[in-house]
């Protein structure tokens, strides 16, 4: 008997949720993303790369925080170079957690998530329920009435994830979401990511190769602003059998990719 997938249930309106061709993006005066070609669809994609590889700049471009300096970038069928009016509808279906996210310390968790739902133009009547569902999904139910300034680093990060998913985004961008999370919370996040990835395009930037292998359907490795590798966690693990440095086959595969790229191979 044929297994029905999320692709069968949710019709696709465009070929890819993210499509970059020759993408160039600046961080200040520095060209942090340089000629990147990338295509992402439904599923959980892990974004790996060393410090300075261009991961955060790429995430900012995908979140429409910065405008590309060159190439083309299409997000959910919309050209990222289009004006604010054209991007407005797309942004309603986008969720974003930056590495450093702003918040009002005196807001409670619920107030913060509801405010971010309002910012993303969730209908007013739906905001309380949407906020509560997001808070429940990140296991902050018992802290919904707590002020943000009283939360631990891990709890604050989970509040940030809650605001990113409050509008049930079709494209979800999480930049280092596991920072401050303990091992149990990281496992819970992996489960949440797998759930979200059944009908959305989720891109997770991290330094933790093991989280990518455990939670992601696809692995993207960039270095010096260009694409080094895109494939499955199994593909990355198999590369580790050829060499590299690390405590697991996936880590060895990752380090081997970076070594080959630096050596021009």
Protein backbone atom coordinates (compact mmCIF):
# COMPACT_ATOMS: atom_id res chain seq x y z
CA UNK A 1 0.00 0.00 0.00
CA UNK A 2 1.32 3.44 -0.94
CA UNK A 3 2.17 5.75 1.97
CA UNK A 4 0.66 9.23 1.58
CA UNK A 5 3.17 11.98 2.32
CA UNK A 6 2.74 15.63 3.31
CA UNK A 7 3.63 16.49 -0.30
CA UNK A 8 0.47 14.67 -1.42
CA UNK A 9 -1.77 16.49 1.05
CA UNK A 10 -0.45 20.06 0.77
CA UNK A 11 -0.34 21.30 -2.83
CA UNK A 12 2.83 23.10 -3.88
CA UNK A 13 2.36 26.56 -5.36
CA UNK A 14 5.98 26.84 -6.50
CA UNK A 15 8.85 24.51 -7.31
CA UNK A 16 11.01 25.47 -4.33
CA UNK A 17 10.39 27.31 -1.07
CA UNK A 18 13.88 28.81 -1.33
CA UNK A 19 15.79 29.19 -4.56
CA UNK A 20 19.07 31.12 -4.75
CA UNK A 21 21.11 31.43 -7.94
CA UNK A 22 24.50 33.14 -7.83
CA UNK A 23 23.41 34.84 -4.60
CA UNK A 24 25.69 37.54 -3.20
CA UNK A 25 25.01 39.24 0.14
CA UNK A 26 27.14 41.75 2.00
CA UNK A 27 27.78 41.98 5.73
CA UNK A 28 28.87 45.58 6.02
CA UNK A 29 31.42 46.04 3.26
CA UNK A 30 32.37 42.36 3.25
CA UNK A 31 30.82 40.00 0.71
CA UNK A 32 29.80 37.25 3.14
CA UNK A 33 27.74 35.20 0.66
CA UNK A 34 29.41 34.99 -2.73
CA UNK A 35 27.83 33.18 -5.68
CA UNK A 36 25.69 30.77 -3.67
CA UNK A 37 23.35 28.37 -5.47
CA UNK A 38 20.79 26.73 -3.19
CA UNK A 39 17.36 25.11 -3.44
CA UNK A 40 15.27 24.10 -0.43
CA UNK A 41 11.83 22.51 -0.23
CA UNK A 42 9.63 21.02 2.47
CA UNK A 43 11.61 19.36 5.27
CA UNK A 44 14.23 20.21 7.88
CA UNK A 45 17.52 21.50 6.49
CA UNK A 46 20.58 21.80 8.70
CA UNK A 47 22.97 24.64 7.83
CA UNK A 48 26.56 23.98 8.87
CA UNK A 49 29.75 25.96 8.42
CA UNK A 50 32.66 27.37 10.42
CA UNK A 51 32.60 30.81 12.03
CA UNK A 52 32.65 33.43 9.31
CA UNK A 53 31.28 31.06 6.65
CA UNK A 54 28.32 33.35 5.93
CA UNK A 55 25.58 31.39 7.72
CA UNK A 56 24.05 34.30 9.64
CA UNK A 57 24.26 36.63 6.63
CA UNK A 58 22.49 34.01 4.52
CA UNK A 59 19.77 33.62 7.16
CA UNK A 60 19.29 37.40 7.28
CA UNK A 61 18.89 37.49 3.50
CA UNK A 62 16.34 34.66 3.61
CA UNK A 63 14.46 36.53 6.34
CA UNK A 64 14.45 39.65 4.07
CA UNK A 65 16.35 41.61 6.73
CA UNK A 66 19.05 42.46 4.18
CA UNK A 67 18.73 42.85 0.42
CA UNK A 68 20.95 40.72 -1.83
CA UNK A 69 23.83 42.53 -3.55
CA UNK A 70 23.59 40.28 -6.59
CA UNK A 71 22.20 37.08 -8.04
CA UNK A 72 18.58 36.05 -7.56
CA UNK A 73 16.67 34.89 -4.49
CA UNK A 74 13.10 33.61 -4.56
CA UNK A 75 11.23 32.92 -1.30
CA UNK A 76 7.89 31.11 -1.37
CA UNK A 77 7.49 32.17 -4.97
CA UNK A 78 8.31 35.84 -4.32
CA UNK A 79 11.40 37.66 -5.57
CA UNK A 80 13.33 38.88 -2.51
CA UNK A 81 14.39 41.95 -4.46
CA UNK A 82 10.77 43.06 -4.83
CA UNK A 83 9.54 46.06 -2.87
CA UNK A 84 8.11 46.00 0.63
CA UNK A 85 4.53 45.83 -0.63
CA UNK A 86 5.25 42.71 -2.69
CA UNK A 87 7.09 41.06 0.21
CA UNK A 88 4.41 41.82 2.79
CA UNK A 89 2.24 38.82 2.01
CA UNK A 90 5.21 36.45 1.96
CA UNK A 91 6.44 37.74 5.33
CA UNK A 92 3.15 36.71 6.94
CA UNK A 93 4.13 33.10 6.29
CA UNK A 94 7.75 33.44 7.41
CA UNK A 95 9.14 32.75 10.89
CA UNK A 96 12.59 33.89 12.01
CA UNK A 97 14.71 33.49 15.12
CA UNK A 98 17.96 35.51 14.87
CA UNK A 99 21.05 34.65 16.88
CA UNK A 100 20.44 37.75 18.98
CA UNK A 101 16.76 38.64 19.14
CA UNK A 102 15.22 41.73 20.70
CA UNK A 103 12.44 41.69 23.29
CA UNK A 104 10.88 43.81 26.02
CA UNK A 105 12.15 42.44 29.36
CA UNK A 106 8.95 43.39 31.20
CA UNK A 107 6.73 41.50 28.76
CA UNK A 108 5.48 38.13 29.89
CA UNK A 109 6.09 35.17 27.61
CA UNK A 110 2.45 35.28 26.50
CA UNK A 111 2.51 39.03 25.87
CA UNK A 112 5.69 38.70 23.82
CA UNK A 113 4.43 35.85 21.65
CA UNK A 114 1.05 37.57 21.16
CA UNK A 115 2.80 40.80 20.20
CA UNK A 116 4.90 38.98 17.59
CA UNK A 117 1.75 37.30 16.25
CA UNK A 118 0.22 40.76 15.83
CA UNK A 119 3.39 41.96 14.07
CA UNK A 120 2.98 39.09 11.58
CA UNK A 121 -0.63 40.11 10.99
CA UNK A 122 -2.23 37.02 12.51
CA UNK A 123 -5.98 37.86 12.72
CA UNK A 124 -6.77 39.43 16.11
CA UNK A 125 -9.35 36.80 17.06
CA UNK A 126 -6.81 34.02 16.45
CA UNK A 127 -3.86 35.54 18.33
CA UNK A 128 -4.58 34.20 21.87
CA UNK A 129 -5.01 30.63 20.63
CA UNK A 130 -2.03 30.81 18.26
CA UNK A 131 0.21 32.16 21.03
CA UNK A 132 -0.87 29.48 23.48
CA UNK A 133 -0.24 26.70 20.96
CA UNK A 134 3.24 28.04 20.23
CA UNK A 135 4.05 28.33 23.94
CA UNK A 136 2.82 24.79 24.56
CA UNK A 137 4.90 23.40 21.69
CA UNK A 138 8.14 24.76 23.18
CA UNK A 139 7.22 23.47 26.67
CA UNK A 140 6.84 26.88 28.30
CA UNK A 141 3.22 26.45 29.38
CA UNK A 142 4.00 26.88 33.08
CA UNK A 143 6.05 30.01 32.31
CA UNK A 144 3.50 31.77 30.09
CA UNK A 145 2.85 34.42 32.73
CA UNK A 146 6.50 34.94 33.67
CA UNK A 147 8.32 38.10 32.61
CA UNK A 148 11.05 37.56 30.04
CA UNK A 149 13.68 39.16 32.28
CA UNK A 150 13.20 36.38 34.83
CA UNK A 151 13.83 33.51 32.41
CA UNK A 152 16.98 31.46 32.13
CA UNK A 153 18.94 31.58 28.89
CA UNK A 154 17.45 28.31 27.70
CA UNK A 155 13.89 29.36 28.51
CA UNK A 156 14.41 32.69 26.77
CA UNK A 157 15.62 30.85 23.68
CA UNK A 158 12.49 28.71 23.74
CA UNK A 159 10.37 31.86 23.95
CA UNK A 160 12.20 33.06 20.85
CA UNK A 161 11.33 29.82 19.05
CA UNK A 162 7.68 30.23 20.13
CA UNK A 163 7.45 33.66 18.48
CA UNK A 164 9.03 32.25 15.32
CA UNK A 165 6.36 29.55 14.95
CA UNK A 166 3.31 31.48 16.20
CA UNK A 167 2.05 32.15 12.65
CA UNK A 168 2.52 28.52 11.49
CA UNK A 169 5.12 29.64 8.93
CA UNK A 170 5.68 27.96 5.58
CA UNK A 171 9.34 29.04 5.80
CA UNK A 172 10.97 28.88 9.23
CA UNK A 173 14.52 30.18 9.82
CA UNK A 174 16.24 29.37 13.12
CA UNK A 175 19.75 30.75 13.71
CA UNK A 176 21.50 28.77 16.47
CA UNK A 177 18.25 27.75 18.24
CA UNK A 178 19.99 25.32 20.61
CA UNK A 179 22.15 27.97 22.32
CA UNK A 180 21.51 27.74 26.06
CA UNK A 181 19.42 24.57 25.83
CA UNK A 182 20.32 21.59 28.00
CA UNK A 183 20.56 18.09 26.45
CA UNK A 184 16.94 17.20 27.27
CA UNK A 185 15.68 20.45 25.75
CA UNK A 186 17.76 19.85 22.62
CA UNK A 187 16.11 16.45 22.18
CA UNK A 188 12.68 18.07 22.57
CA UNK A 189 13.65 20.68 19.97
CA UNK A 190 14.68 17.95 17.53
CA UNK A 191 11.23 16.38 17.91
CA UNK A 192 9.58 19.75 17.30
CA UNK A 193 11.69 20.38 14.20
CA UNK A 194 10.76 17.00 12.73
CA UNK A 195 7.09 17.82 13.33
CA UNK A 196 7.38 21.29 11.77
CA UNK A 197 9.24 19.92 8.77
CA UNK A 198 6.36 17.70 7.66
CA UNK A 199 4.63 20.61 5.90
CA UNK A 200 7.07 23.53 6.05
CA UNK A 201 10.57 24.43 4.89
CA UNK A 202 12.72 24.69 8.03
CA UNK A 203 16.33 25.91 7.91
CA UNK A 204 18.36 25.52 11.12
CA UNK A 205 21.80 27.06 11.46
CA UNK A 206 23.97 25.35 14.08
CA UNK A 207 27.48 24.25 14.97
CA UNK A 208 26.23 20.93 16.38
CA UNK A 209 26.60 18.26 13.71
CA UNK A 210 24.86 15.66 15.88
CA UNK A 211 21.69 17.79 16.04
CA UNK A 212 21.65 18.04 12.24
CA UNK A 213 22.02 14.27 11.83
CA UNK A 214 19.28 13.58 14.40
CA UNK A 215 16.68 16.14 13.25
CA UNK A 216 17.30 17.05 9.62
CA UNK A 217 16.30 15.51 6.31
CA UNK A 218 18.89 17.54 4.43
CA UNK A 219 22.34 18.95 5.23
CA UNK A 220 23.77 22.14 3.73
CA UNK A 221 27.42 23.04 4.32
CA UNK A 222 28.78 26.44 3.31
CA UNK A 223 32.24 27.94 3.63
CA UNK A 224 33.57 31.32 2.54
CA UNK A 225 30.08 32.22 1.34
CA UNK A 226 29.71 29.37 -1.15
CA UNK A 227 27.98 25.99 -1.15
CA UNK A 228 30.34 23.14 -0.25
CA UNK A 229 27.84 20.30 0.12
CA UNK A 230 24.14 19.52 0.05
CA UNK A 231 22.85 16.03 0.74
CA UNK A 232 21.32 13.75 3.32
CA UNK A 233 22.71 13.05 6.81
CA UNK A 234 23.51 9.56 5.52
CA UNK A 235 25.60 11.07 2.70
CA UNK A 236 27.51 13.16 5.25
CA UNK A 237 28.08 10.13 7.48
CA UNK A 238 29.40 8.06 4.58
CA UNK A 239 31.93 10.78 3.79
CA UNK A 240 33.26 10.35 7.32
CA UNK A 241 34.34 6.82 6.41
CA UNK A 242 36.95 8.37 4.08
CA UNK A 243 38.72 10.38 6.78
CA UNK A 244 38.35 13.65 8.62
CA UNK A 245 38.53 14.62 12.29
CA UNK A 246 35.75 14.16 14.81
CA UNK A 247 34.09 11.89 17.35
CA UNK A 248 31.43 10.56 14.97
CA UNK A 249 31.29 9.65 11.26
CA UNK A 250 29.15 12.75 10.56
CA UNK A 251 31.63 15.06 12.28
CA UNK A 252 34.48 13.46 10.34
CA UNK A 253 32.53 13.88 7.10
CA UNK A 254 31.93 17.54 7.90
CA UNK A 255 35.59 18.23 8.69
CA UNK A 256 36.66 16.37 5.54
CA UNK A 257 34.40 18.59 3.41
CA UNK A 258 35.92 21.74 4.88
CA UNK A 259 39.46 20.44 4.42
CA UNK A 260 38.82 19.58 0.79
CA UNK A 261 37.24 22.98 0.16
CA UNK A 262 40.17 24.84 1.71
CA UNK A 263 42.56 22.75 -0.38
CA UNK A 264 40.59 23.50 -3.54
CA UNK A 265 39.51 19.89 -4.07
